[in-house]
Amino acid sequence: MIQTPYLLFLGDAPDQLAAKVAQGIKDWRPENALGQYRMPGCGADLGIADLTLEEAKAAGVKTLVIGVANRGGYISKAWKEVLVTALKMGFDIASGLHNLLRDEDELVAAARVNGRSLFDVRIPSVAYPIANGKKRTGKRCLAVGTDCSVGKMYTGLAMDAEMQKRGMKSTFRPTGQTGILITGGGVPLDAVIADFMAGAVEYLTPDNDPDHWDHIEGQGSLFHVSYSGVTMALIHGGQPDAMILAHEPTRKHMRGLPDYALPSLEALRDTALPLARIANPACQIVGVSVNTQHLAEDAALAYMAEVEARMGLPTVDTFRQGAARLVDALEGL
């Protein structure tokens, strides 16, 4: 088990979005986030205490969590110097990067000498089956996005929290490193061999009570040429009964792809729903989740009102407003 509390390592993250792992932990498990560690040039800030390794140790931190999701998921030389020092000072290290801690000889040696643990949460721990497409009992909801990092995980967490508050049967099903670090379990889907991804989602969302909802953490985007495959696996392996469209309206282009424009919500609806109905002909799109963090309150409300009128679907920012209206939309299914 990964020991808490955490020091969230932001390294030299170029912007806030690059620190989305740390941001998710801070927003959903604030009691575990005692501070942040930022290197020179870091463009992200979680709004919590900046701690040195010495200060974090004195505060009782047990694990340094790499809270950065950089493109390619690699550990730089500059990071490695800090991580080795942390191990020598008695911290464990947890990471969800593709560049595994256990593949770095310096980190492995420092952990062994100092009796510390390295946690790579992006390693599949189960021999997942190939998907069989059989219908499972229970109900499932999946957020699909116009782009990566638009709030799909936050939407699922918020809907699960609202259902729990109402006494409804509900489980959040993590499929990425941030969700796994928040909840303590799940499937690191983008590290699963391609032929087994849909089967891993079936494994993650087994038969359940007829009135139980699984909120499957969304990944990637059907329109993102780098990461569309993982989205397809979620759609077909998840067999969602309901889908939420997720969008961030201030993006100028797809994340990391300046030559690709964002699709419209209509294009996302018209692409995702026919694909979902291959595995579940009864699937419906029931709402829109808009990430309005870069909009002022008045502008955010006006934008969501326009989307709701245009799309004919309840439209909310689940972080600012909660997910009550989206959960209401599920109750009739």
Protein backbone atom coordinates (compact mmCIF):
# COMPACT_ATOMS: atom_id res chain seq x y z
CA MET A 1 0.00 0.00 0.00
CA ILE A 2 1.16 3.53 -0.80
CA GLN A 3 1.64 5.39 2.46
CA THR A 4 0.04 8.79 3.01
CA PRO A 5 0.34 11.76 3.34
CA TYR A 6 1.96 12.88 0.10
CA LEU A 7 4.33 15.53 -1.16
CA LEU A 8 3.16 16.26 -4.72
CA PHE A 9 6.13 16.59 -7.06
CA LEU A 10 5.44 19.07 -9.89
CA GLY A 11 9.01 19.19 -11.14
CA ASP A 12 9.37 21.63 -14.02
CA ALA A 13 5.82 21.17 -15.35
CA PRO A 14 5.34 23.80 -18.09
CA ASP A 15 1.72 24.60 -17.23
CA GLN A 16 -1.16 23.72 -14.94
CA LEU A 17 -2.54 21.05 -17.22
CA ALA A 18 0.75 19.14 -17.14
CA ALA A 19 0.27 18.77 -13.37
CA LYS A 20 -3.18 17.20 -13.71
CA VAL A 21 -2.23 14.13 -11.63
CA ALA A 22 -1.26 16.28 -8.67
CA GLN A 23 -4.27 18.55 -9.22
CA GLY A 24 -6.62 15.59 -9.10
CA ILE A 25 -5.15 14.30 -5.85
CA LYS A 26 -5.28 17.76 -4.30
CA ASP A 27 -8.91 18.31 -5.35
CA TRP A 28 -10.28 14.87 -4.40
CA ARG A 29 -8.01 13.80 -1.54
CA PRO A 30 -6.86 17.11 -0.02
CA GLU A 31 -6.18 15.45 3.32
CA ASN A 32 -3.37 13.49 1.66
CA ALA A 33 -1.74 16.47 -0.06
CA LEU A 34 0.49 18.17 2.52
CA GLY A 35 2.49 20.20 0.04
CA GLN A 36 3.98 20.60 -3.41
CA TYR A 37 7.59 20.45 -4.63
CA ARG A 38 8.36 22.74 -7.58
CA MET A 39 11.64 23.05 -9.44
CA PRO A 40 12.90 26.23 -11.15
CA GLY A 41 10.83 27.02 -14.23
CA CYS A 42 7.73 25.22 -13.01
CA GLY A 43 4.60 26.76 -14.52
CA ALA A 44 2.09 24.96 -12.30
CA ASP A 45 0.84 25.82 -8.83
CA LEU A 46 -1.71 23.84 -6.80
CA GLY A 47 -2.21 26.64 -4.31
CA ILE A 48 -0.85 24.57 -1.42
CA ALA A 49 2.34 24.93 0.59
CA ASP A 50 5.66 24.79 -1.23
CA LEU A 51 7.81 22.42 0.81
CA THR A 52 11.44 21.43 0.59
CA LEU A 53 12.22 17.77 1.13
CA GLU A 54 13.43 18.63 4.63
CA GLU A 55 10.20 20.50 5.44
CA ALA A 56 8.09 17.68 4.03
CA LYS A 57 9.92 15.14 6.17
CA ALA A 58 9.35 17.25 9.29
CA ALA A 59 5.65 17.57 8.38
CA GLY A 60 5.23 13.79 8.31
CA VAL A 61 5.11 13.14 4.56
CA LYS A 62 5.59 9.46 3.72
CA THR A 63 5.50 9.36 -0.09
CA LEU A 64 6.66 11.69 -2.83
CA VAL A 65 4.12 11.35 -5.66
CA ILE A 66 5.16 12.36 -9.16
CA GLY A 67 2.17 14.51 -10.03
CA VAL A 68 3.15 15.41 -13.58
CA ALA A 69 1.75 13.80 -16.73
CA ASN A 70 4.22 14.95 -19.37
CA ARG A 71 4.01 13.92 -23.02
CA GLY A 72 5.64 10.52 -23.27
CA GLY A 73 5.75 10.10 -19.48
CA TYR A 74 9.52 10.29 -18.96
CA ILE A 75 11.78 11.00 -15.98
CA SER A 76 14.35 13.69 -16.76
CA LYS A 77 17.88 13.83 -15.37
CA ALA A 78 16.98 16.88 -13.28
CA TRP A 79 14.01 15.06 -11.75
CA LYS A 80 16.14 12.04 -11.01
CA GLU A 81 18.51 14.02 -8.82
CA VAL A 82 15.58 15.12 -6.62
CA LEU A 83 14.09 11.62 -6.53
CA VAL A 84 17.36 9.99 -5.45
CA THR A 85 17.73 12.56 -2.68
CA ALA A 86 14.15 11.89 -1.56
CA LEU A 87 14.84 8.16 -1.29
CA LYS A 88 17.99 8.84 0.73
CA MET A 89 15.92 10.99 3.11
CA GLY A 90 13.45 8.16 3.71
CA PHE A 91 10.57 8.88 1.35
CA ASP A 92 8.86 6.27 -0.79
CA ILE A 93 8.10 7.33 -4.37
CA ALA A 94 4.93 6.70 -6.37
CA SER A 95 4.50 7.38 -10.06
CA GLY A 96 2.03 6.85 -12.86
CA LEU A 97 4.45 7.65 -15.68
CA HIS A 98 5.10 5.35 -18.62
CA ASN A 99 8.79 5.69 -17.71
CA LEU A 100 8.75 3.20 -14.83
CA LEU A 101 10.60 3.87 -11.60
CA ARG A 102 11.72 0.25 -11.50
CA ASP A 103 13.50 0.69 -14.85
CA GLU A 104 15.76 3.44 -13.50
CA ASP A 105 18.87 1.81 -12.02
CA GLU A 106 19.77 4.81 -9.87
CA LEU A 107 16.35 4.89 -8.27
CA VAL A 108 16.25 1.13 -7.74
CA ALA A 109 19.69 1.21 -6.08
CA ALA A 110 18.80 4.17 -3.84
CA ALA A 111 15.53 2.53 -2.79
CA ARG A 112 17.28 -0.74 -1.97
CA VAL A 113 20.10 0.85 0.03
CA ASN A 114 17.72 3.06 1.99
CA GLY A 115 14.96 0.49 2.50
CA ARG A 116 12.37 2.48 0.57
CA SER A 117 9.64 1.43 -1.89
CA LEU A 118 8.97 2.42 -5.50
CA PHE A 119 5.34 2.27 -6.63
CA ASP A 120 4.62 2.18 -10.37
CA VAL A 121 0.83 2.44 -10.55
CA ARG A 122 0.85 2.19 -14.35
CA ILE A 123 1.74 -1.51 -14.35
CA PRO A 124 -1.15 -3.89 -15.05
CA SER A 125 -1.44 -6.31 -12.14
CA VAL A 126 -3.90 -8.74 -13.75
CA ALA A 127 -3.78 -10.96 -16.85
CA TYR A 128 -6.80 -9.32 -18.47
CA PRO A 129 -8.98 -11.32 -20.89
CA ILE A 130 -9.86 -10.43 -24.45
CA ALA A 131 -13.28 -8.77 -24.51
CA ASN A 132 -16.22 -11.05 -25.23
CA GLY A 133 -18.90 -8.37 -25.63
CA LYS A 134 -21.41 -10.16 -23.41
CA LYS A 135 -23.98 -7.92 -21.75
CA ARG A 136 -23.40 -7.49 -18.00
CA THR A 137 -25.95 -6.70 -15.31
CA GLY A 138 -25.85 -3.30 -13.66
CA LYS A 139 -25.53 0.10 -15.33
CA ARG A 140 -22.53 2.05 -16.60
CA CYS A 141 -21.79 5.68 -17.41
CA LEU A 142 -18.80 6.96 -19.39
CA ALA A 143 -17.62 10.49 -20.09
CA VAL A 144 -16.21 11.02 -23.59
CA GLY A 145 -14.33 14.18 -24.48
CA THR A 146 -13.67 16.50 -27.37
CA ASP A 147 -10.00 16.33 -26.25
CA CYS A 148 -7.71 14.88 -23.61
CA SER A 149 -7.65 16.43 -20.12
CA VAL A 150 -11.02 18.18 -20.34
CA GLY A 151 -12.57 16.89 -17.10
CA LYS A 152 -13.72 13.33 -17.80
CA MET A 153 -12.31 11.98 -14.53
CA TYR A 154 -13.73 14.87 -12.51
CA THR A 155 -17.13 14.23 -14.08
CA GLY A 156 -17.10 10.56 -13.03
CA LEU A 157 -15.89 11.35 -9.52
CA ALA A 158 -18.49 14.09 -9.09
CA MET A 159 -21.34 11.88 -10.32
CA ASP A 160 -20.24 9.05 -8.03
CA ALA A 161 -20.03 11.47 -5.06
CA GLU A 162 -23.55 12.78 -5.80
CA MET A 163 -24.96 9.26 -6.00
CA GLN A 164 -23.25 8.29 -2.76
CA LYS A 165 -24.76 11.36 -1.10
CA ARG A 166 -28.22 10.26 -2.27
CA GLY A 167 -27.73 6.72 -0.97
CA MET A 168 -27.67 5.28 -4.48
CA LYS A 169 -25.50 2.32 -5.49
CA SER A 170 -22.46 3.67 -7.27
CA THR A 171 -18.74 3.02 -7.84
CA PHE A 172 -16.08 5.12 -9.55
CA ARG A 173 -13.92 2.88 -11.77
CA PRO A 174 -10.44 4.37 -12.36
CA THR A 175 -8.66 3.71 -15.64
CA GLY A 176 -5.66 6.05 -15.30
CA GLN A 177 -2.87 6.88 -12.90
CA THR A 178 -4.61 9.82 -11.23
CA GLY A 179 -7.79 7.91 -10.50
CA ILE A 180 -5.77 4.98 -9.19
CA LEU A 181 -3.77 7.26 -6.86
CA ILE A 182 -7.01 8.88 -5.65
CA THR A 183 -8.95 5.67 -4.98
CA GLY A 184 -6.21 3.07 -4.45
CA GLY A 185 -7.19 0.72 -7.29
CA GLY A 186 -8.24 0.39 -10.91
CA VAL A 187 -6.87 -0.49 -14.36
CA PRO A 188 -3.97 1.50 -15.91
CA LEU A 189 -5.65 1.17 -19.27
CA ASP A 190 -3.12 2.88 -21.52
CA ALA A 191 -0.45 0.44 -20.29
CA VAL A 192 -2.51 -2.64 -21.20
CA ILE A 193 -1.61 -4.44 -24.44
CA ALA A 194 -4.00 -3.22 -27.13
CA ASP A 195 -5.81 -6.52 -27.75
CA PHE A 196 -6.71 -6.73 -24.06
CA MET A 197 -7.81 -3.14 -23.36
CA ALA A 198 -11.53 -3.69 -23.93
CA GLY A 199 -11.34 -6.90 -21.90
CA ALA A 200 -9.69 -4.98 -19.06
CA VAL A 201 -12.66 -2.60 -19.01
CA GLU A 202 -15.06 -5.56 -18.92
CA TYR A 203 -13.02 -6.94 -15.99
CA LEU A 204 -13.16 -3.57 -14.21
CA THR A 205 -16.95 -3.30 -14.54
CA PRO A 206 -18.35 -6.77 -13.81
CA ASP A 207 -21.95 -7.90 -13.25
CA ASN A 208 -23.63 -5.88 -10.53
CA ASP A 209 -27.03 -5.11 -9.02
CA PRO A 210 -29.54 -3.88 -11.61
CA ASP A 211 -29.68 -0.43 -9.94
CA HIS A 212 -25.92 -0.06 -9.44
CA TRP A 213 -24.02 2.49 -11.54
CA ASP A 214 -20.36 2.20 -12.49
CA HIS A 215 -18.82 5.56 -13.41
CA ILE A 216 -15.99 4.62 -15.74
CA GLU A 217 -13.10 7.08 -15.88
CA GLY A 218 -12.81 8.39 -19.43
CA GLN A 219 -9.50 8.60 -21.30
CA GLY A 220 -8.25 10.26 -24.47
CA SER A 221 -10.61 11.35 -27.23
CA LEU A 222 -11.93 9.76 -30.38
CA PHE A 223 -10.66 12.87 -32.18
CA HIS A 224 -7.13 12.81 -30.73
CA VAL A 225 -4.91 10.93 -33.17
CA SER A 226 -2.43 10.06 -30.41
CA TYR A 227 -4.86 8.56 -27.89
CA SER A 228 -8.07 7.56 -29.68
CA GLY A 229 -7.45 3.83 -29.21
CA VAL A 230 -7.90 3.91 -25.45
CA THR A 231 -11.21 5.76 -25.89
CA MET A 232 -12.51 3.07 -28.24
CA ALA A 233 -11.60 0.37 -25.71
CA LEU A 234 -13.61 2.19 -23.04
CA ILE A 235 -16.62 2.60 -25.30
CA HIS A 236 -16.77 -1.02 -26.40
CA GLY A 237 -15.47 -2.69 -23.24
CA GLY A 238 -17.55 -0.45 -21.00
CA GLN A 239 -20.79 -0.94 -22.94
CA PRO A 240 -22.10 2.28 -21.36
CA ASP A 241 -25.81 2.75 -20.84
CA ALA A 242 -25.19 6.50 -20.67
CA MET A 243 -22.51 8.84 -21.91
CA ILE A 244 -21.61 12.37 -20.86
CA LEU A 245 -19.98 14.72 -23.38
CA ALA A 246 -17.00 16.54 -21.84
CA HIS A 247 -15.53 19.76 -23.23
CA GLU A 248 -13.14 22.60 -22.42
CA PRO A 249 -14.23 25.63 -24.47
CA THR A 250 -11.07 27.75 -24.40
CA ARG A 251 -8.82 25.28 -26.21
CA LYS A 252 -7.33 26.57 -29.47
CA HIS A 253 -6.34 23.09 -30.69
CA MET A 254 -6.08 19.48 -29.55
CA ARG A 255 -3.77 18.97 -26.59
CA GLY A 256 -0.24 18.60 -27.96
CA LEU A 257 -1.42 18.72 -31.59
CA PRO A 258 -1.38 22.34 -32.84
CA ASP A 259 -2.42 21.32 -36.36
CA TYR A 260 -5.67 19.69 -35.18
CA ALA A 261 -8.71 21.78 -34.25
CA LEU A 262 -11.15 20.66 -31.56
CA PRO A 263 -14.34 19.01 -32.79
CA SER A 264 -17.72 20.45 -31.92
CA LEU A 265 -19.91 18.83 -29.30
CA GLU A 266 -22.26 17.88 -32.12
CA ALA A 267 -19.45 16.07 -33.92
CA LEU A 268 -18.54 14.24 -30.71
CA ARG A 269 -22.18 13.23 -30.17
CA ASP A 270 -22.61 12.03 -33.73
CA THR A 271 -19.36 10.04 -33.67
CA ALA A 272 -19.43 8.53 -30.18
CA LEU A 273 -23.05 7.39 -30.01
CA PRO A 274 -23.07 5.10 -33.08
CA LEU A 275 -19.83 3.52 -31.86
CA ALA A 276 -21.29 2.96 -28.40
CA ARG A 277 -24.44 1.40 -29.84
CA ILE A 278 -22.36 -1.32 -31.49
CA ALA A 279 -21.80 -2.78 -28.01
CA ASN A 280 -24.95 -1.45 -26.32
CA PRO A 281 -27.81 -0.51 -28.69
CA ALA A 282 -29.64 1.18 -25.79
CA CYS A 283 -26.86 3.67 -25.00
CA GLN A 284 -27.95 7.30 -24.67
CA ILE A 285 -26.13 10.61 -24.31
CA VAL A 286 -27.68 12.25 -21.26
CA GLY A 287 -25.68 15.41 -20.51
CA VAL A 288 -22.73 17.72 -21.10
CA SER A 289 -19.90 18.44 -18.65
CA VAL A 290 -18.04 21.67 -19.36
CA ASN A 291 -14.70 22.51 -17.79
CA THR A 292 -15.04 26.28 -17.24
CA GLN A 293 -11.94 26.83 -15.11
CA HIS A 294 -10.59 29.45 -17.54
CA LEU A 295 -13.87 31.38 -17.76
CA ALA A 296 -15.20 33.98 -15.33
CA GLU A 297 -18.45 33.06 -13.59
CA ASP A 298 -20.75 35.12 -15.82
CA ALA A 299 -19.06 33.91 -19.00
CA ALA A 300 -19.18 30.31 -17.79
CA LEU A 301 -22.90 30.47 -17.02
CA ALA A 302 -23.66 32.10 -20.35
CA TYR A 303 -21.64 29.51 -22.26
CA MET A 304 -23.30 26.58 -20.50
CA ALA A 305 -26.77 28.06 -21.09
CA GLU A 306 -25.98 28.37 -24.80
CA VAL A 307 -24.74 24.77 -24.99
CA GLU A 308 -27.78 23.47 -23.14
CA ALA A 309 -30.16 25.26 -25.47
CA ARG A 310 -28.24 24.11 -28.54
CA MET A 311 -27.74 20.48 -27.52
CA GLY A 312 -30.98 19.90 -25.62
CA LEU A 313 -29.03 18.30 -22.77
CA PRO A 314 -28.41 19.32 -19.13
CA THR A 315 -25.09 21.16 -19.13
CA VAL A 316 -23.01 21.78 -16.01
CA ASP A 317 -19.51 22.29 -14.70
CA THR A 318 -19.36 19.40 -12.23
CA PHE A 319 -16.50 20.96 -10.25
CA ARG A 320 -18.12 24.38 -9.86
CA GLN A 321 -21.75 23.29 -9.65
CA GLY A 322 -21.78 19.62 -8.72
CA ALA A 323 -23.25 16.75 -10.71
CA ALA A 324 -26.85 16.72 -9.43
CA ARG A 325 -28.44 17.49 -12.80
CA LEU A 326 -26.39 14.79 -14.55
CA VAL A 327 -27.39 12.24 -11.91
CA ASP A 328 -31.01 13.32 -12.33
CA ALA A 329 -30.66 12.49 -16.02
CA LEU A 330 -29.55 8.95 -15.18
CA GLU A 331 -32.44 8.18 -12.88
CA GLY A 332 -34.84 7.53 -15.74
CA LEU A 333 -32.60 4.97 -17.47
